[in-house]
N, C-alpha and C. Protein backbone atom coordinates (compact mmCIF):
# COMPACT_ATOMS: atom_id res chain seq x y z
N MET A 1 48.83 -45.90 -108.15
CA MET A 1 47.66 -45.08 -107.86
C MET A 1 47.01 -44.66 -109.17
N ALA A 2 45.69 -44.53 -109.11
CA ALA A 2 44.93 -44.19 -110.31
C ALA A 2 45.16 -42.73 -110.70
N ASN A 3 45.02 -42.46 -112.00
CA ASN A 3 45.18 -41.10 -112.50
C ASN A 3 43.84 -40.42 -112.75
N ILE A 4 42.82 -41.19 -113.10
CA ILE A 4 41.51 -40.64 -113.44
C ILE A 4 40.76 -40.29 -112.15
N LYS A 5 40.06 -39.17 -112.19
CA LYS A 5 39.38 -38.65 -111.00
C LYS A 5 38.38 -39.65 -110.43
N SER A 6 37.58 -40.26 -111.27
CA SER A 6 36.57 -41.20 -110.78
C SER A 6 37.21 -42.45 -110.17
N ALA A 7 38.34 -42.86 -110.72
CA ALA A 7 39.05 -44.02 -110.18
C ALA A 7 39.64 -43.70 -108.82
N LYS A 8 40.12 -42.46 -108.64
CA LYS A 8 40.63 -42.03 -107.33
C LYS A 8 39.52 -42.05 -106.30
N LYS A 9 38.33 -41.60 -106.71
CA LYS A 9 37.19 -41.59 -105.80
C LYS A 9 36.81 -43.02 -105.42
N ARG A 10 36.81 -43.92 -106.39
CA ARG A 10 36.46 -45.32 -106.11
C ARG A 10 37.42 -45.92 -105.09
N VAL A 11 38.69 -45.58 -105.18
CA VAL A 11 39.68 -46.09 -104.22
C VAL A 11 39.30 -45.64 -102.81
N LYS A 12 38.92 -44.36 -102.67
CA LYS A 12 38.53 -43.83 -101.36
C LYS A 12 37.26 -44.51 -100.85
N VAL A 13 36.27 -44.65 -101.72
CA VAL A 13 34.99 -45.25 -101.33
C VAL A 13 35.18 -46.70 -100.91
N ILE A 14 35.97 -47.44 -101.67
CA ILE A 14 36.21 -48.84 -101.35
C ILE A 14 36.93 -48.98 -100.01
N ALA A 15 37.86 -48.07 -99.73
CA ALA A 15 38.57 -48.11 -98.45
C ALA A 15 37.59 -47.91 -97.29
N LYS A 16 36.66 -46.98 -97.45
CA LYS A 16 35.66 -46.74 -96.39
C LYS A 16 34.76 -47.96 -96.21
N LYS A 17 34.30 -48.51 -97.33
CA LYS A 17 33.41 -49.67 -97.25
C LYS A 17 34.11 -50.87 -96.63
N THR A 18 35.40 -51.03 -96.93
CA THR A 18 36.16 -52.13 -96.36
C THR A 18 36.22 -52.01 -94.85
N LEU A 19 36.43 -50.78 -94.35
CA LEU A 19 36.46 -50.57 -92.91
C LEU A 19 35.12 -50.91 -92.26
N VAL A 20 34.03 -50.49 -92.88
CA VAL A 20 32.70 -50.78 -92.34
C VAL A 20 32.46 -52.29 -92.32
N ASN A 21 32.82 -52.97 -93.41
CA ASN A 21 32.64 -54.42 -93.47
C ASN A 21 33.46 -55.13 -92.41
N LYS A 22 34.71 -54.67 -92.20
CA LYS A 22 35.56 -55.27 -91.16
C LYS A 22 34.95 -55.08 -89.79
N MET A 23 34.38 -53.89 -89.55
CA MET A 23 33.78 -53.59 -88.26
C MET A 23 32.59 -54.52 -87.99
N ILE A 24 31.75 -54.71 -88.99
CA ILE A 24 30.57 -55.57 -88.82
C ILE A 24 30.99 -57.02 -88.63
N LYS A 25 31.98 -57.46 -89.40
CA LYS A 25 32.47 -58.83 -89.28
C LYS A 25 33.07 -59.07 -87.89
N SER A 26 33.81 -58.08 -87.41
CA SER A 26 34.45 -58.19 -86.09
C SER A 26 33.40 -58.25 -84.98
N SER A 27 32.37 -57.42 -85.06
CA SER A 27 31.35 -57.43 -84.02
C SER A 27 30.56 -58.74 -84.05
N THR A 28 30.40 -59.32 -85.23
CA THR A 28 29.73 -60.62 -85.34
C THR A 28 30.57 -61.70 -84.67
N LYS A 29 31.87 -61.68 -84.92
CA LYS A 29 32.76 -62.66 -84.29
C LYS A 29 32.76 -62.50 -82.77
N THR A 30 32.72 -61.26 -82.29
CA THR A 30 32.69 -61.00 -80.85
C THR A 30 31.42 -61.56 -80.24
N ALA A 31 30.29 -61.38 -80.91
CA ALA A 31 29.02 -61.90 -80.41
C ALA A 31 29.06 -63.43 -80.35
N MET A 32 29.68 -64.05 -81.35
CA MET A 32 29.80 -65.51 -81.35
C MET A 32 30.70 -65.97 -80.21
N LYS A 33 31.76 -65.22 -79.96
CA LYS A 33 32.70 -65.57 -78.89
C LYS A 33 32.01 -65.52 -77.53
N LYS A 34 31.09 -64.54 -77.35
CA LYS A 34 30.36 -64.43 -76.08
C LYS A 34 29.54 -65.68 -75.81
N VAL A 35 28.96 -66.26 -76.85
CA VAL A 35 28.19 -67.49 -76.70
C VAL A 35 29.12 -68.62 -76.26
N ILE A 36 30.25 -68.74 -76.92
CA ILE A 36 31.19 -69.82 -76.61
C ILE A 36 31.71 -69.70 -75.18
N VAL A 37 32.02 -68.48 -74.75
CA VAL A 37 32.52 -68.26 -73.39
C VAL A 37 31.45 -68.63 -72.37
N ALA A 38 30.19 -68.25 -72.64
CA ALA A 38 29.09 -68.57 -71.72
C ALA A 38 28.86 -70.07 -71.64
N VAL A 39 29.00 -70.77 -72.76
CA VAL A 39 28.83 -72.23 -72.76
C VAL A 39 29.96 -72.89 -71.98
N GLU A 40 31.19 -72.39 -72.15
CA GLU A 40 32.32 -72.97 -71.41
C GLU A 40 32.17 -72.75 -69.92
N ALA A 41 31.52 -71.64 -69.54
CA ALA A 41 31.28 -71.36 -68.12
C ALA A 41 30.05 -72.10 -67.61
N LYS A 42 29.36 -72.83 -68.50
CA LYS A 42 28.15 -73.59 -68.19
C LYS A 42 27.04 -72.70 -67.63
N ASP A 43 26.94 -71.50 -68.15
CA ASP A 43 25.90 -70.54 -67.74
C ASP A 43 24.82 -70.52 -68.83
N LYS A 44 23.77 -71.30 -68.61
CA LYS A 44 22.76 -71.50 -69.64
C LYS A 44 22.01 -70.21 -69.98
N GLU A 45 21.64 -69.44 -68.97
CA GLU A 45 20.87 -68.21 -69.23
C GLU A 45 21.70 -67.19 -70.01
N ALA A 46 22.94 -67.02 -69.60
CA ALA A 46 23.82 -66.08 -70.31
C ALA A 46 24.08 -66.57 -71.74
N ALA A 47 24.21 -67.88 -71.89
CA ALA A 47 24.45 -68.44 -73.23
C ALA A 47 23.26 -68.21 -74.14
N GLN A 48 22.05 -68.37 -73.61
CA GLN A 48 20.86 -68.15 -74.42
C GLN A 48 20.71 -66.69 -74.81
N ALA A 49 21.02 -65.80 -73.87
CA ALA A 49 20.95 -64.37 -74.17
C ALA A 49 22.00 -63.99 -75.22
N ALA A 50 23.20 -64.54 -75.05
CA ALA A 50 24.27 -64.25 -76.00
C ALA A 50 23.95 -64.85 -77.37
N LEU A 51 23.30 -66.02 -77.38
CA LEU A 51 22.92 -66.66 -78.64
C LEU A 51 21.94 -65.78 -79.41
N LYS A 52 20.99 -65.20 -78.70
CA LYS A 52 20.01 -64.32 -79.35
C LYS A 52 20.72 -63.14 -80.01
N GLY A 53 21.67 -62.54 -79.30
CA GLY A 53 22.45 -61.43 -79.85
C GLY A 53 23.32 -61.85 -81.03
N ALA A 54 23.91 -63.04 -80.92
CA ALA A 54 24.79 -63.53 -81.98
C ALA A 54 24.00 -63.82 -83.26
N ILE A 55 22.83 -64.43 -83.11
CA ILE A 55 22.01 -64.72 -84.29
C ILE A 55 21.58 -63.42 -84.96
N SER A 56 21.24 -62.44 -84.15
CA SER A 56 20.86 -61.13 -84.69
C SER A 56 22.03 -60.50 -85.44
N ALA A 57 23.23 -60.59 -84.88
CA ALA A 57 24.43 -60.02 -85.53
C ALA A 57 24.74 -60.75 -86.84
N ILE A 58 24.59 -62.07 -86.82
CA ILE A 58 24.85 -62.86 -88.03
C ILE A 58 23.85 -62.50 -89.13
N ASP A 59 22.58 -62.37 -88.75
CA ASP A 59 21.56 -62.00 -89.73
C ASP A 59 21.80 -60.60 -90.28
N ARG A 60 22.26 -59.70 -89.43
CA ARG A 60 22.56 -58.33 -89.87
C ARG A 60 23.70 -58.35 -90.88
N ALA A 61 24.72 -59.15 -90.61
CA ALA A 61 25.85 -59.26 -91.53
C ALA A 61 25.40 -59.85 -92.86
N TYR A 62 24.47 -60.81 -92.82
CA TYR A 62 23.95 -61.40 -94.06
C TYR A 62 23.16 -60.38 -94.85
N SER A 63 22.33 -59.60 -94.16
CA SER A 63 21.49 -58.63 -94.86
C SER A 63 22.32 -57.55 -95.54
N LYS A 64 23.51 -57.28 -95.01
CA LYS A 64 24.39 -56.29 -95.62
C LYS A 64 25.32 -56.90 -96.66
N GLY A 65 25.22 -58.22 -96.85
CA GLY A 65 26.01 -58.87 -97.89
C GLY A 65 27.44 -59.19 -97.47
N ILE A 66 27.70 -59.18 -96.17
CA ILE A 66 29.06 -59.43 -95.69
C ILE A 66 29.31 -60.93 -95.53
N LEU A 67 28.30 -61.64 -95.05
CA LEU A 67 28.39 -63.09 -94.94
C LEU A 67 27.41 -63.72 -95.93
N LYS A 68 27.74 -64.91 -96.40
CA LYS A 68 26.87 -65.60 -97.34
C LYS A 68 25.84 -66.45 -96.59
N LYS A 69 24.80 -66.84 -97.32
CA LYS A 69 23.66 -67.52 -96.72
C LYS A 69 24.05 -68.80 -95.99
N ASN A 70 24.81 -69.65 -96.65
CA ASN A 70 25.15 -70.95 -96.04
C ASN A 70 26.10 -70.80 -94.86
N SER A 71 27.02 -69.86 -94.93
CA SER A 71 27.93 -69.67 -93.80
C SER A 71 27.16 -69.14 -92.59
N CYS A 72 26.16 -68.30 -92.83
CA CYS A 72 25.31 -67.82 -91.73
C CYS A 72 24.55 -68.98 -91.10
N ALA A 73 23.97 -69.80 -91.94
CA ALA A 73 23.21 -70.96 -91.45
C ALA A 73 24.11 -71.88 -90.64
N ARG A 74 25.32 -72.10 -91.14
CA ARG A 74 26.28 -72.97 -90.46
C ARG A 74 26.67 -72.41 -89.10
N LYS A 75 26.94 -71.11 -89.04
CA LYS A 75 27.34 -70.48 -87.79
C LYS A 75 26.21 -70.53 -86.76
N LYS A 76 24.99 -70.20 -87.21
CA LYS A 76 23.84 -70.21 -86.30
C LYS A 76 23.57 -71.62 -85.79
N SER A 77 23.68 -72.59 -86.67
CA SER A 77 23.43 -73.98 -86.29
C SER A 77 24.44 -74.46 -85.25
N SER A 78 25.70 -74.18 -85.49
CA SER A 78 26.73 -74.66 -84.56
C SER A 78 26.60 -74.00 -83.19
N LEU A 79 26.26 -72.70 -83.16
CA LEU A 79 26.08 -72.01 -81.88
C LEU A 79 24.86 -72.55 -81.15
N THR A 80 23.78 -72.81 -81.88
CA THR A 80 22.56 -73.33 -81.27
C THR A 80 22.82 -74.71 -80.69
N LYS A 81 23.58 -75.54 -81.41
CA LYS A 81 23.93 -76.87 -80.90
C LYS A 81 24.72 -76.74 -79.60
N LEU A 82 25.65 -75.81 -79.57
CA LEU A 82 26.46 -75.61 -78.36
C LEU A 82 25.58 -75.27 -77.17
N VAL A 83 24.66 -74.32 -77.36
CA VAL A 83 23.80 -73.89 -76.26
C VAL A 83 22.86 -75.00 -75.85
N ASN A 84 22.34 -75.76 -76.80
CA ASN A 84 21.44 -76.85 -76.46
C ASN A 84 22.14 -78.01 -75.77
N SER A 85 23.46 -78.07 -75.88
CA SER A 85 24.19 -79.16 -75.23
C SER A 85 24.30 -78.96 -73.72
N LEU A 86 23.94 -77.74 -73.25
CA LEU A 86 24.00 -77.50 -71.79
C LEU A 86 22.85 -78.17 -71.08
């Protein structure tokens, strides 16, 4: 554990930020999972609605710096391909 006051504060701040980042990452994964489940159920309307939410969640994660540009593009592309395959 750190001895300097500012270093102790940084440890606390980083712990909070890590939790927020995990929460956003988890909600993004959940949104992606909803698209996959809808595609497996062959429900085109639900899949399209879930895709819209998933793309929004992915973009939100990118804007906060949690996901990188290319991984966002890859995720959006693969989900869109899945929905278009219906």
